[in-house]
Each structure stands twice: as C-alpha cells, then as structure tokens.
Amino acid sequence: MEKRYELIFDEVMVKQLKKAAKNNQIKKILSKMLDKLEFIGPYTGNLLDSQLFIYEIKNKKPPIRLYYKHNATTNEVYVFEFEMKTSEKKQKQTIDKIKFKTSEI
C-alpha cells in the first residue's frame, strides 16, 4: 500500500517524537496514528477549525491528541504536536497556539 500524503513535522513534533521513542507504548500508538494519516489523509481525524483546516486525531487509552493541518494543493499534512489530554483548558491553549502557527504558514 503506497502512501498518498506526505507528512511534514513541526520542530515541536520532532522533539516530542524523540522523547516518545523512549516509551514503547506511546511510540506504537503514534506510529499507528501517523501511518493512518499518511494513507487516509486529513479525514482520519476531526476538523477543529474550518477556516485554517486544523484537524485532531484522538486516542482513548492513553488519551493522546495529535494535531495537524492539511494543504490540499500539495497533499502535504503538517503535523504540529501531540499531547496527553489533561484538561479542557490545556487543550484550548494548545489549539490556540496551533492556530497562531498556522496563520503564519
């Protein structure tokens, strides 16, 4: 099966992936999420912002959220970061930070 979408990682995500490589369970979960994103594309997750095309993939156990943006013209998916869900306030702060980043792209 060939991948249809190219993943481009934000510098925050690269740091997080290096850190996550130490935890085998998280590494496997992220690997599955990213593989799914490469093959299925942006519609793997839920749309958070329809103007900026920011999406989120959720995992229940452990509660991990992965944030990304799809560029339809180039078929690239910009992966921003992932987080362990802790609170609604922290999630909102993360989404606001990503919205600010995407407005600069």
C-alpha atoms as a PDB file:
ATOM      1  CA  MET A   1       0.000   0.000   0.000  1.00  0.00           C
ATOM      2  CA  GLU A   2       1.517   3.313  -1.021  1.00  0.00           C
ATOM      3  CA  LYS A   3       1.230   6.471   0.985  1.00  0.00           C
ATOM      4  CA  ARG A   4      -0.828   9.241  -0.552  1.00  0.00           C
ATOM      5  CA  TYR A   5       0.005  12.115   1.778  1.00  0.00           C
ATOM      6  CA  GLU A   6       3.405  13.454   2.747  1.00  0.00           C
ATOM      7  CA  LEU A   7       3.890  14.258   6.416  1.00  0.00           C
ATOM      8  CA  ILE A   8       5.850  17.345   7.385  1.00  0.00           C
ATOM      9  CA  PHE A   9       6.773  17.658  11.045  1.00  0.00           C
ATOM     10  CA  ASP A  10       6.938  20.852  13.067  1.00  0.00           C
ATOM     11  CA  GLU A  11      10.086  21.307  15.197  1.00  0.00           C
ATOM     12  CA  VAL A  12       7.962  20.803  18.331  1.00  0.00           C
ATOM     13  CA  MET A  13       6.733  17.483  16.974  1.00  0.00           C
ATOM     14  CA  VAL A  14      10.266  16.323  16.162  1.00  0.00           C
ATOM     15  CA  LYS A  15      11.314  16.944  19.778  1.00  0.00           C
ATOM     16  CA  GLN A  16       8.217  15.156  21.044  1.00  0.00           C
ATOM     17  CA  LEU A  17       8.846  12.140  18.812  1.00  0.00           C
ATOM     18  CA  LYS A  18      12.413  11.821  20.087  1.00  0.00           C
ATOM     19  CA  LYS A  19      11.105  11.903  23.638  1.00  0.00           C
ATOM     20  CA  ALA A  20       8.260   9.476  22.857  1.00  0.00           C
ATOM     21  CA  ALA A  21      10.692   6.957  21.367  1.00  0.00           C
ATOM     22  CA  LYS A  22      11.696   6.068  24.927  1.00  0.00           C
ATOM     23  CA  ASN A  23       8.154   4.912  25.788  1.00  0.00           C
ATOM     24  CA  ASN A  24       7.306   1.891  23.648  1.00  0.00           C
ATOM     25  CA  GLN A  25       3.518   2.062  24.179  1.00  0.00           C
ATOM     26  CA  ILE A  26       3.274   5.722  23.126  1.00  0.00           C
ATOM     27  CA  LYS A  27       5.672   5.089  20.255  1.00  0.00           C
ATOM     28  CA  LYS A  28       3.402   2.334  18.869  1.00  0.00           C
ATOM     29  CA  ILE A  29       0.258   4.447  19.220  1.00  0.00           C
ATOM     30  CA  LEU A  30       1.826   7.450  17.494  1.00  0.00           C
ATOM     31  CA  SER A  31       3.218   5.221  14.781  1.00  0.00           C
ATOM     32  CA  LYS A  32      -0.266   3.862  14.035  1.00  0.00           C
ATOM     33  CA  MET A  33      -1.741   7.372  14.031  1.00  0.00           C
ATOM     34  CA  LEU A  34       0.917   8.690  11.648  1.00  0.00           C
ATOM     35  CA  ASP A  35       0.640   5.661   9.339  1.00  0.00           C
ATOM     36  CA  LYS A  36      -3.105   6.132   9.151  1.00  0.00           C
ATOM     37  CA  LEU A  37      -2.580   9.814   8.401  1.00  0.00           C
ATOM     38  CA  GLU A  38      -0.157   9.003   5.552  1.00  0.00           C
ATOM     39  CA  PHE A  39      -2.575   6.599   3.876  1.00  0.00           C
ATOM     40  CA  ILE A  40      -6.037   8.030   4.596  1.00  0.00           C
ATOM     41  CA  GLY A  41      -5.114  11.687   4.934  1.00  0.00           C
ATOM     42  CA  PRO A  42      -6.759  14.532   6.787  1.00  0.00           C
ATOM     43  CA  TYR A  43     -10.126  12.829   7.091  1.00  0.00           C
ATOM     44  CA  THR A  44      -8.626  10.439   9.639  1.00  0.00           C
ATOM     45  CA  GLY A  45      -9.338  12.965  12.385  1.00  0.00           C
ATOM     46  CA  ASN A  46     -11.920  15.547  13.359  1.00  0.00           C
ATOM     47  CA  LEU A  47     -11.969  19.045  11.898  1.00  0.00           C
ATOM     48  CA  LEU A  48     -11.330  21.667  14.601  1.00  0.00           C
ATOM     49  CA  ASP A  49     -11.162  24.831  12.504  1.00  0.00           C
ATOM     50  CA  SER A  50     -12.779  25.000   9.067  1.00  0.00           C
ATOM     51  CA  GLN A  51     -11.022  28.209   8.013  1.00  0.00           C
ATOM     52  CA  LEU A  52      -7.486  27.055   8.852  1.00  0.00           C
ATOM     53  CA  PHE A  53      -8.155  23.331   8.208  1.00  0.00           C
ATOM     54  CA  ILE A  54      -6.784  22.184  11.558  1.00  0.00           C
ATOM     55  CA  TYR A  55      -7.586  18.591  12.476  1.00  0.00           C
ATOM     56  CA  GLU A  56      -7.197  16.379  15.535  1.00  0.00           C
ATOM     57  CA  ILE A  57      -6.854  12.620  15.943  1.00  0.00           C
ATOM     58  CA  LYS A  58      -7.811  11.201  19.330  1.00  0.00           C
ATOM     59  CA  ASN A  59      -6.790   8.030  21.086  1.00  0.00           C
ATOM     60  CA  LYS A  60      -8.765   6.893  24.123  1.00  0.00           C
ATOM     61  CA  LYS A  61      -6.333   4.836  26.200  1.00  0.00           C
ATOM     62  CA  PRO A  62      -3.950   6.506  26.843  1.00  0.00           C
ATOM     63  CA  PRO A  63      -5.668   9.791  25.972  1.00  0.00           C
ATOM     64  CA  ILE A  64      -3.452  11.232  23.226  1.00  0.00           C
ATOM     65  CA  ARG A  65      -4.393  14.003  20.820  1.00  0.00           C
ATOM     66  CA  LEU A  66      -2.459  14.648  17.609  1.00  0.00           C
ATOM     67  CA  TYR A  67      -2.910  17.989  15.806  1.00  0.00           C
ATOM     68  CA  TYR A  68      -2.270  18.586  12.104  1.00  0.00           C
ATOM     69  CA  LYS A  69      -3.167  20.728   9.081  1.00  0.00           C
ATOM     70  CA  HIS A  70      -3.806  19.597   5.517  1.00  0.00           C
ATOM     71  CA  ASN A  71      -2.594  21.504   2.466  1.00  0.00           C
ATOM     72  CA  ALA A  72      -4.928  20.359  -0.324  1.00  0.00           C
ATOM     73  CA  THR A  73      -2.895  21.799  -3.204  1.00  0.00           C
ATOM     74  CA  THR A  74       0.286  19.879  -2.356  1.00  0.00           C
ATOM     75  CA  ASN A  75      -1.264  16.912  -0.493  1.00  0.00           C
ATOM     76  CA  GLU A  76       1.026  17.620   2.449  1.00  0.00           C
ATOM     77  CA  VAL A  77      -0.006  17.184   6.045  1.00  0.00           C
ATOM     78  CA  TYR A  78       1.737  19.422   8.578  1.00  0.00           C
ATOM     79  CA  VAL A  79       1.919  17.603  11.912  1.00  0.00           C
ATOM     80  CA  PHE A  80       2.224  20.125  14.739  1.00  0.00           C
ATOM     81  CA  GLU A  81       2.271  18.258  18.025  1.00  0.00           C
ATOM     82  CA  PHE A  82       0.632  15.703  20.233  1.00  0.00           C
ATOM     83  CA  GLU A  83      -0.370  15.891  23.862  1.00  0.00           C
ATOM     84  CA  MET A  84      -1.696  13.721  26.593  1.00  0.00           C
ATOM     85  CA  LYS A  85      -5.160  15.026  27.387  1.00  0.00           C
ATOM     86  CA  THR A  86      -5.116  16.591  30.807  1.00  0.00           C
ATOM     87  CA  SER A  87      -7.729  19.337  30.866  1.00  0.00           C
ATOM     88  CA  GLU A  88     -10.013  21.332  28.603  1.00  0.00           C
ATOM     89  CA  LYS A  89      -8.052  24.494  29.418  1.00  0.00           C
ATOM     90  CA  LYS A  90      -4.728  22.971  28.327  1.00  0.00           C
ATOM     91  CA  GLN A  91      -6.328  21.607  25.162  1.00  0.00           C
ATOM     92  CA  LYS A  92      -7.723  25.049  24.302  1.00  0.00           C
ATOM     93  CA  GLN A  93      -4.289  26.641  24.859  1.00  0.00           C
ATOM     94  CA  THR A  94      -2.679  24.083  22.556  1.00  0.00           C
ATOM     95  CA  ILE A  95      -5.289  24.634  19.841  1.00  0.00           C
ATOM     96  CA  ASP A  96      -4.871  28.418  20.098  1.00  0.00           C
ATOM     97  CA  LYS A  97      -1.092  28.036  19.800  1.00  0.00           C
ATOM     98  CA  ILE A  98      -1.522  25.869  16.689  1.00  0.00           C
ATOM     99  CA  LYS A  99      -3.986  28.343  15.161  1.00  0.00           C
ATOM    100  CA  PHE A 100      -1.399  31.074  15.622  1.00  0.00           C
ATOM    101  CA  LYS A 101       1.299  28.913  13.962  1.00  0.00           C
ATOM    102  CA  THR A 102      -0.917  28.023  11.006  1.00  0.00           C
ATOM    103  CA  SER A 103      -1.856  31.604  10.354  1.00  0.00           C
ATOM    104  CA  GLU A 104       1.859  32.225   9.727  1.00  0.00           C
ATOM    105  CA  ILE A 105       2.255  29.361   7.219  1.00  0.00           C
END
